[in-house]
Amino acid sequence: MRVFHLPAVPAVYMQLCLYLTPELIVTPLSATTKDGVIRELAEHLAAQKHLPNAAHILKSILEREASSSTFLPSGIAIPHARLGEVSDIMVTLGVSKTPLQDTDGSDGLNANLFCLFLSPMVDKEFGKHLKLLARISAVFNDPDFIAQLTTLATPREVFEAIQKRERTLDES
């Protein structure tokens, strides 16, 4: 019996930059509090994606954030919610030049980056939701990379740095 060996196929990862564009990046953020940043990003996402109810998005994300903080030790927060009104993942990213503290969390973590995203409520889409959370964690797990992003002047520069980081992750 002959055995054929197929070449190894690299694992396909969720790509953050498939959902993020320079127009969806806010740098620098105007808000100086966690709730203010979430409001700013929810309104920005609603405007960019022509979503009719920014207040509902904000309420959903704040409710999710109240159940447990999404601040990570590397310096990013990932406020997110699952909504029935969205049919696919939607992402926006905000960059704060100075770190903002999670005043609601007991661990006192700070964040310079806020990656807010929405995903569909449909159960079959929950896997994409989890993969995106994992991808965001992988892309932004390096505090030095986050610090680099805070020095960039434009959304385009931030986007290009994230694209480069994703390519580097996928090559390793």
Foldseek 3Di string as FASTA:
>chain_A
DDDDDDDDDADDADAPLVQDDLQQEAPADPDQAPLSSLLVNLVSQCVVVVPDPSPVQSVQQVVVCLVDWQADQLAEREREGADQVDAAKHKHKHAHLDWHWPPNDPVGHTHRMYIYMYGHPDPVCVVVVVSVSVVVCQLRVHSVLSNVLSPDDGSNVNSVSSVVSVVVVSVD
